[in-house]
Amino acid sequence: MIAQGSFDRAAQRIADASNQSTQPTRSVQPPDSVDFSTEAVTLLAARNQFQANAQVFQVGDKMQKKLLDIMA
């Protein structure tokens, strides 16, 4: 869940930044800047966390299958 949340937040910040740059600004405040290199690192970290979580489930599934084979 943490990986998905990180991924969603990073994607939302990037999407918001692109929307702000294409829409005319009527406010007095400048739009928030987004550091794309930081966001890319965040997205890569979220992807790695997701892959690690998926691998845990795959190993658990294999262990369960082996246990059932032994007991059968």
C-alpha atoms as a PDB file:
ATOM      1  CA  MET A   1       0.000   0.000   0.000  1.00  0.00           C
ATOM      2  CA  ILE A   2       2.863   2.379   0.709  1.00  0.00           C
ATOM      3  CA  ALA A   3       4.287   1.874  -2.774  1.00  0.00           C
ATOM      4  CA  GLN A   4       0.919   2.558  -4.393  1.00  0.00           C
ATOM      5  CA  GLY A   5       0.450   5.707  -2.322  1.00  0.00           C
ATOM      6  CA  SER A   6       3.922   7.003  -3.214  1.00  0.00           C
ATOM      7  CA  PHE A   7       3.308   6.275  -6.853  1.00  0.00           C
ATOM      8  CA  ASP A   8      -0.075   8.000  -6.842  1.00  0.00           C
ATOM      9  CA  ARG A   9       1.254  11.099  -5.061  1.00  0.00           C
ATOM     10  CA  ALA A  10       4.219  11.445  -7.433  1.00  0.00           C
ATOM     11  CA  ALA A  11       2.022  10.965 -10.485  1.00  0.00           C
ATOM     12  CA  GLN A  12      -0.457  13.529  -9.175  1.00  0.00           C
ATOM     13  CA  ARG A  13       2.295  16.120  -8.577  1.00  0.00           C
ATOM     14  CA  ILE A  14       3.610  15.616 -12.107  1.00  0.00           C
ATOM     15  CA  ALA A  15       0.108  15.856 -13.580  1.00  0.00           C
ATOM     16  CA  ASP A  16      -0.631  18.994 -11.564  1.00  0.00           C
ATOM     17  CA  ALA A  17       2.604  20.582 -12.748  1.00  0.00           C
ATOM     18  CA  SER A  18       1.803  19.913 -16.389  1.00  0.00           C
ATOM     19  CA  ASN A  19      -1.733  21.251 -15.942  1.00  0.00           C
ATOM     20  CA  GLN A  20      -0.443  24.430 -14.324  1.00  0.00           C
ATOM     21  CA  SER A  21       2.023  25.054 -17.130  1.00  0.00           C
ATOM     22  CA  THR A  22      -0.667  24.712 -19.826  1.00  0.00           C
ATOM     23  CA  GLN A  23      -3.383  26.735 -18.108  1.00  0.00           C
ATOM     24  CA  PRO A  24      -3.141  30.497 -17.875  1.00  0.00           C
ATOM     25  CA  THR A  25      -2.527  31.612 -14.326  1.00  0.00           C
ATOM     26  CA  ARG A  26      -4.862  34.212 -12.921  1.00  0.00           C
ATOM     27  CA  SER A  27      -3.608  34.086  -9.369  1.00  0.00           C
ATOM     28  CA  VAL A  28      -0.935  36.320  -7.967  1.00  0.00           C
ATOM     29  CA  GLN A  29       1.086  33.419  -6.589  1.00  0.00           C
ATOM     30  CA  PRO A  30       3.483  31.600  -8.931  1.00  0.00           C
ATOM     31  CA  PRO A  31       2.676  27.918  -9.558  1.00  0.00           C
ATOM     32  CA  ASP A  32       4.526  25.360  -7.487  1.00  0.00           C
ATOM     33  CA  SER A  33       7.559  24.016  -9.248  1.00  0.00           C
ATOM     34  CA  VAL A  34       8.075  20.290  -9.586  1.00  0.00           C
ATOM     35  CA  ASP A  35      11.529  18.772  -9.684  1.00  0.00           C
ATOM     36  CA  PHE A  36      11.109  16.060 -12.289  1.00  0.00           C
ATOM     37  CA  SER A  37      14.321  14.281 -11.314  1.00  0.00           C
ATOM     38  CA  THR A  38      13.081  13.951  -7.724  1.00  0.00           C
ATOM     39  CA  GLU A  39       9.696  12.765  -8.923  1.00  0.00           C
ATOM     40  CA  ALA A  40      11.344  10.224 -11.249  1.00  0.00           C
ATOM     41  CA  VAL A  41      13.362   8.857  -8.329  1.00  0.00           C
ATOM     42  CA  THR A  42      10.170   8.685  -6.255  1.00  0.00           C
ATOM     43  CA  LEU A  43       8.399   6.783  -9.018  1.00  0.00           C
ATOM     44  CA  LEU A  44      11.313   4.350  -9.384  1.00  0.00           C
ATOM     45  CA  ALA A  45      11.376   3.765  -5.635  1.00  0.00           C
ATOM     46  CA  ALA A  46       7.623   3.115  -5.631  1.00  0.00           C
ATOM     47  CA  ARG A  47       8.042   0.670  -8.515  1.00  0.00           C
ATOM     48  CA  ASN A  48      10.811  -1.166  -6.663  1.00  0.00           C
ATOM     49  CA  GLN A  49       8.712  -1.334  -3.504  1.00  0.00           C
ATOM     50  CA  PHE A  50       5.795  -2.713  -5.500  1.00  0.00           C
ATOM     51  CA  GLN A  51       8.018  -5.353  -7.115  1.00  0.00           C
ATOM     52  CA  ALA A  52       9.398  -6.375  -3.724  1.00  0.00           C
ATOM     53  CA  ASN A  53       5.875  -6.680  -2.305  1.00  0.00           C
ATOM     54  CA  ALA A  54       4.777  -8.758  -5.284  1.00  0.00           C
ATOM     55  CA  GLN A  55       7.780 -11.023  -4.867  1.00  0.00           C
ATOM     56  CA  VAL A  56       6.871 -11.645  -1.222  1.00  0.00           C
ATOM     57  CA  PHE A  57       3.430 -12.836  -2.317  1.00  0.00           C
ATOM     58  CA  GLN A  58       4.931 -15.030  -5.033  1.00  0.00           C
ATOM     59  CA  VAL A  59       7.309 -16.693  -2.572  1.00  0.00           C
ATOM     60  CA  GLY A  60       4.467 -17.222  -0.116  1.00  0.00           C
ATOM     61  CA  ASP A  61       2.398 -18.825  -2.870  1.00  0.00           C
ATOM     62  CA  LYS A  62       5.260 -21.150  -3.817  1.00  0.00           C
ATOM     63  CA  MET A  63       5.767 -22.116  -0.179  1.00  0.00           C
ATOM     64  CA  GLN A  64       2.074 -22.897   0.218  1.00  0.00           C
ATOM     65  CA  LYS A  65       2.109 -25.042  -2.933  1.00  0.00           C
ATOM     66  CA  LYS A  66       5.164 -26.975  -1.696  1.00  0.00           C
ATOM     67  CA  LEU A  67       3.529 -27.533   1.683  1.00  0.00           C
ATOM     68  CA  LEU A  68       0.374 -28.846   0.043  1.00  0.00           C
ATOM     69  CA  ASP A  69       2.471 -31.148  -2.180  1.00  0.00           C
ATOM     70  CA  ILE A  70       4.284 -32.518   0.882  1.00  0.00           C
ATOM     71  CA  MET A  71       1.046 -33.089   2.783  1.00  0.00           C
ATOM     72  CA  ALA A  72      -0.729 -34.740  -0.180  1.00  0.00           C
END
